[in-house]
Amino acid sequence: MNIPIEKCLVVGDTEDDIIAARKAGGIPVAILAGDDHLDISESEQPEFMFKNLVEFTLFLEEQERMGISSV
């Protein structure tokens, strides 16, 4: 797709996912799908956090509506 990694959202639901996103140079996004994931926000502080995939999808749809191709 020829999109630079620094413009890519890298989505995960664990602390390791957020760490991997940062190491790869991407934009870390956390999906907090339960109480056990609350420590992600405190320890790794992803660029974006969403309660679930529905909330994340709504965010993406809003970005598309606004004509934003990169975050």
C-alpha atoms as a PDB file:
ATOM      1  CA  MET A   1       0.000   0.000   0.000  1.00  0.00           C
ATOM      2  CA  ASN A   2       3.087   2.223   0.169  1.00  0.00           C
ATOM      3  CA  ILE A   3       2.013   3.916   3.402  1.00  0.00           C
ATOM      4  CA  PRO A   4       4.864   4.909   5.723  1.00  0.00           C
ATOM      5  CA  ILE A   5       4.710   3.048   9.057  1.00  0.00           C
ATOM      6  CA  GLU A   6       4.719   6.316  10.979  1.00  0.00           C
ATOM      7  CA  LYS A   7       1.299   7.073   9.460  1.00  0.00           C
ATOM      8  CA  CYS A   8      -0.172   3.636  10.254  1.00  0.00           C
ATOM      9  CA  LEU A   9      -2.442   2.888  13.176  1.00  0.00           C
ATOM     10  CA  VAL A  10      -1.270  -0.316  14.851  1.00  0.00           C
ATOM     11  CA  VAL A  11      -4.168  -1.780  16.830  1.00  0.00           C
ATOM     12  CA  GLY A  12      -3.858  -4.169  19.742  1.00  0.00           C
ATOM     13  CA  ASP A  13      -5.382  -5.156  23.043  1.00  0.00           C
ATOM     14  CA  THR A  14      -2.331  -5.948  25.147  1.00  0.00           C
ATOM     15  CA  GLU A  15       0.607  -4.040  26.552  1.00  0.00           C
ATOM     16  CA  ASP A  16       2.921  -6.051  24.285  1.00  0.00           C
ATOM     17  CA  ASP A  17       0.923  -4.898  21.245  1.00  0.00           C
ATOM     18  CA  ILE A  18       1.433  -1.256  22.205  1.00  0.00           C
ATOM     19  CA  ILE A  19       5.158  -1.801  22.784  1.00  0.00           C
ATOM     20  CA  ALA A  20       5.485  -3.568  19.418  1.00  0.00           C
ATOM     21  CA  ALA A  21       3.632  -0.747  17.647  1.00  0.00           C
ATOM     22  CA  ARG A  22       6.044   1.812  19.082  1.00  0.00           C
ATOM     23  CA  LYS A  23       9.124  -0.253  18.258  1.00  0.00           C
ATOM     24  CA  ALA A  24       7.887  -0.631  14.677  1.00  0.00           C
ATOM     25  CA  GLY A  25       7.412   3.134  14.415  1.00  0.00           C
ATOM     26  CA  GLY A  26       3.627   3.014  14.056  1.00  0.00           C
ATOM     27  CA  ILE A  27       0.889   4.845  15.938  1.00  0.00           C
ATOM     28  CA  PRO A  28      -0.203   2.643  18.876  1.00  0.00           C
ATOM     29  CA  VAL A  29      -3.950   2.169  19.352  1.00  0.00           C
ATOM     30  CA  ALA A  30      -5.365   0.201  22.278  1.00  0.00           C
ATOM     31  CA  ILE A  31      -8.718  -1.543  22.322  1.00  0.00           C
ATOM     32  CA  LEU A  32      -9.671  -1.968  25.982  1.00  0.00           C
ATOM     33  CA  ALA A  33     -11.991  -4.953  25.860  1.00  0.00           C
ATOM     34  CA  GLY A  34     -12.128  -5.742  29.580  1.00  0.00           C
ATOM     35  CA  ASP A  35     -11.000  -4.861  33.079  1.00  0.00           C
ATOM     36  CA  ASP A  36      -7.680  -6.662  32.657  1.00  0.00           C
ATOM     37  CA  HIS A  37      -6.630  -4.147  29.991  1.00  0.00           C
ATOM     38  CA  LEU A  38      -6.906  -1.045  32.157  1.00  0.00           C
ATOM     39  CA  ASP A  39      -3.177  -1.211  32.962  1.00  0.00           C
ATOM     40  CA  ILE A  40      -2.340  -0.448  29.306  1.00  0.00           C
ATOM     41  CA  SER A  41      -3.387   3.167  29.716  1.00  0.00           C
ATOM     42  CA  GLU A  42      -1.250   3.604  32.808  1.00  0.00           C
ATOM     43  CA  SER A  43       1.877   1.791  31.668  1.00  0.00           C
ATOM     44  CA  GLU A  44       2.202   2.291  27.923  1.00  0.00           C
ATOM     45  CA  GLN A  45      -0.014   5.297  27.141  1.00  0.00           C
ATOM     46  CA  PRO A  46      -1.028   4.528  23.537  1.00  0.00           C
ATOM     47  CA  GLU A  47      -1.740   7.410  21.185  1.00  0.00           C
ATOM     48  CA  PHE A  48      -5.418   6.419  21.042  1.00  0.00           C
ATOM     49  CA  MET A  49      -7.569   4.235  23.310  1.00  0.00           C
ATOM     50  CA  PHE A  50     -11.018   2.860  22.641  1.00  0.00           C
ATOM     51  CA  LYS A  51     -13.373   0.872  24.870  1.00  0.00           C
ATOM     52  CA  ASN A  52     -14.186  -1.601  22.100  1.00  0.00           C
ATOM     53  CA  LEU A  53     -14.051  -2.192  18.359  1.00  0.00           C
ATOM     54  CA  VAL A  54     -17.362  -0.400  17.810  1.00  0.00           C
ATOM     55  CA  GLU A  55     -15.944   2.793  19.311  1.00  0.00           C
ATOM     56  CA  PHE A  56     -12.812   2.436  17.159  1.00  0.00           C
ATOM     57  CA  THR A  57     -14.912   1.872  14.025  1.00  0.00           C
ATOM     58  CA  LEU A  58     -16.930   5.008  14.765  1.00  0.00           C
ATOM     59  CA  PHE A  59     -13.661   6.952  15.114  1.00  0.00           C
ATOM     60  CA  LEU A  60     -12.458   5.681  11.724  1.00  0.00           C
ATOM     61  CA  GLU A  61     -15.783   6.513  10.092  1.00  0.00           C
ATOM     62  CA  GLU A  62     -15.617  10.049  11.506  1.00  0.00           C
ATOM     63  CA  GLN A  63     -12.076  10.465  10.171  1.00  0.00           C
ATOM     64  CA  GLU A  64     -13.261   9.330   6.755  1.00  0.00           C
ATOM     65  CA  ARG A  65     -16.259  11.702   6.858  1.00  0.00           C
ATOM     66  CA  MET A  66     -13.922  14.592   7.677  1.00  0.00           C
ATOM     67  CA  GLY A  67     -11.665  13.619   4.778  1.00  0.00           C
ATOM     68  CA  ILE A  68      -8.729  12.766   7.011  1.00  0.00           C
ATOM     69  CA  SER A  69      -6.656  10.086   5.369  1.00  0.00           C
ATOM     70  CA  SER A  70      -3.994   9.960   8.055  1.00  0.00           C
ATOM     71  CA  VAL A  71      -4.173  10.557  11.777  1.00  0.00           C
END
